[in-house]
Amino acid sequence: MTDLGLWHKVILPVTAHFRAGRGRFLLEHFPDIRRMRICDLGGSRHFWDNLGIDVPRKNITIFNISEGETQGVSGKKDDGIDFRL
């Protein structure tokens, strides 16, 4: 099996399984999460985009993210604020 084949057959399903579990945990402990403002330390857009919870992107502020992923409150990429610590 190629590295890419392993990734698609094993790694992606495993990460999706654990991500879905984290989504269930968040909904169970924070049932109003869709209306909350979230400060995610060390997070990523990818996590929230693939969590399965429809939290408006404008409600999520992410710190410690990779260069090029910064997004300010206005929704525009790189508002001149570097969120990396």
Protein backbone atom coordinates (compact mmCIF):
# COMPACT_ATOMS: atom_id res chain seq x y z
CA MET A 1 0.00 0.00 0.00
CA THR A 2 1.38 3.40 -0.93
CA ASP A 3 1.78 6.13 1.67
CA LEU A 4 -1.17 7.99 0.14
CA GLY A 5 -3.29 4.84 0.12
CA LEU A 6 -2.53 4.28 3.79
CA TRP A 7 -3.46 7.88 4.51
CA HIS A 8 -6.86 7.60 2.81
CA LYS A 9 -7.73 4.12 4.09
CA VAL A 10 -6.49 4.39 7.68
CA ILE A 11 -5.42 7.82 8.86
CA LEU A 12 -8.35 9.90 7.57
CA PRO A 13 -11.06 7.60 9.01
CA VAL A 14 -9.25 7.44 12.38
CA THR A 15 -8.86 11.22 12.64
CA ALA A 16 -12.50 11.71 11.54
CA HIS A 17 -13.64 9.29 14.26
CA PHE A 18 -11.81 11.17 17.01
CA ARG A 19 -12.87 14.57 15.66
CA ALA A 20 -16.52 13.46 15.73
CA GLY A 21 -16.03 12.38 19.35
CA ARG A 22 -14.65 15.81 20.24
CA GLY A 23 -17.65 17.38 18.51
CA ARG A 24 -20.06 15.27 20.59
CA PHE A 25 -18.14 16.16 23.75
CA LEU A 26 -18.34 19.88 23.00
CA LEU A 27 -22.08 19.72 22.23
CA GLU A 28 -22.75 17.73 25.38
CA HIS A 29 -20.84 20.12 27.66
CA PHE A 30 -21.63 23.34 25.78
CA PRO A 31 -25.09 22.91 24.20
CA ASP A 32 -25.17 26.60 23.18
CA ILE A 33 -21.77 26.43 21.47
CA ARG A 34 -23.25 27.62 18.15
CA ARG A 35 -24.02 30.99 19.78
CA MET A 36 -20.82 31.30 21.84
CA ARG A 37 -17.64 33.25 21.11
CA ILE A 38 -14.71 30.84 21.09
CA CYS A 39 -11.04 31.55 21.79
CA ASP A 40 -9.05 28.55 20.56
CA LEU A 41 -5.44 28.44 21.74
CA GLY A 42 -3.27 26.35 19.46
CA GLY A 43 -6.17 25.50 17.17
CA SER A 44 -6.73 25.55 13.44
CA ARG A 45 -9.46 26.44 10.98
CA HIS A 46 -9.34 22.89 9.68
CA PHE A 47 -10.44 21.55 13.08
CA TRP A 48 -13.51 23.81 13.28
CA ASP A 49 -14.38 23.44 9.59
CA ASN A 50 -14.45 19.65 9.93
CA LEU A 51 -15.87 19.26 13.44
CA GLY A 52 -19.46 18.84 12.35
CA ILE A 53 -20.73 21.72 14.50
CA ASP A 54 -21.99 24.77 12.65
CA VAL A 55 -20.26 27.49 14.66
CA PRO A 56 -20.11 30.74 12.66
CA ARG A 57 -16.50 31.39 11.71
CA LYS A 58 -16.83 34.98 12.97
CA ASN A 59 -17.42 33.56 16.46
CA ILE A 60 -14.05 31.76 16.55
CA THR A 61 -10.73 33.45 17.28
CA ILE A 62 -7.72 31.18 16.81
CA PHE A 63 -4.31 31.85 18.38
CA ASN A 64 -0.99 30.08 17.67
CA ILE A 65 -1.88 29.25 14.10
CA SER A 66 0.34 28.80 11.11
CA GLU A 67 1.41 31.80 9.12
CA GLY A 68 -1.11 32.52 6.36
CA GLU A 69 -4.07 31.24 8.38
CA THR A 70 -4.65 34.39 10.39
CA GLN A 71 -8.10 35.87 10.03
CA GLY A 72 -9.41 38.91 11.85
CA VAL A 73 -12.91 39.57 13.10
CA SER A 74 -13.83 41.26 9.80
CA GLY A 75 -13.45 37.91 8.08
CA LYS A 76 -10.65 39.22 5.89
CA LYS A 77 -7.43 37.25 5.79
CA ASP A 78 -4.52 38.92 7.57
CA ASP A 79 -6.01 42.13 8.93
CA GLY A 80 -2.51 43.16 9.92
CA ILE A 81 -2.81 41.28 13.21
CA ASP A 82 -0.40 38.43 13.84
CA PHE A 83 -2.19 35.98 16.13
CA ARG A 84 0.86 33.73 16.45
CA LEU A 85 2.53 33.97 19.86
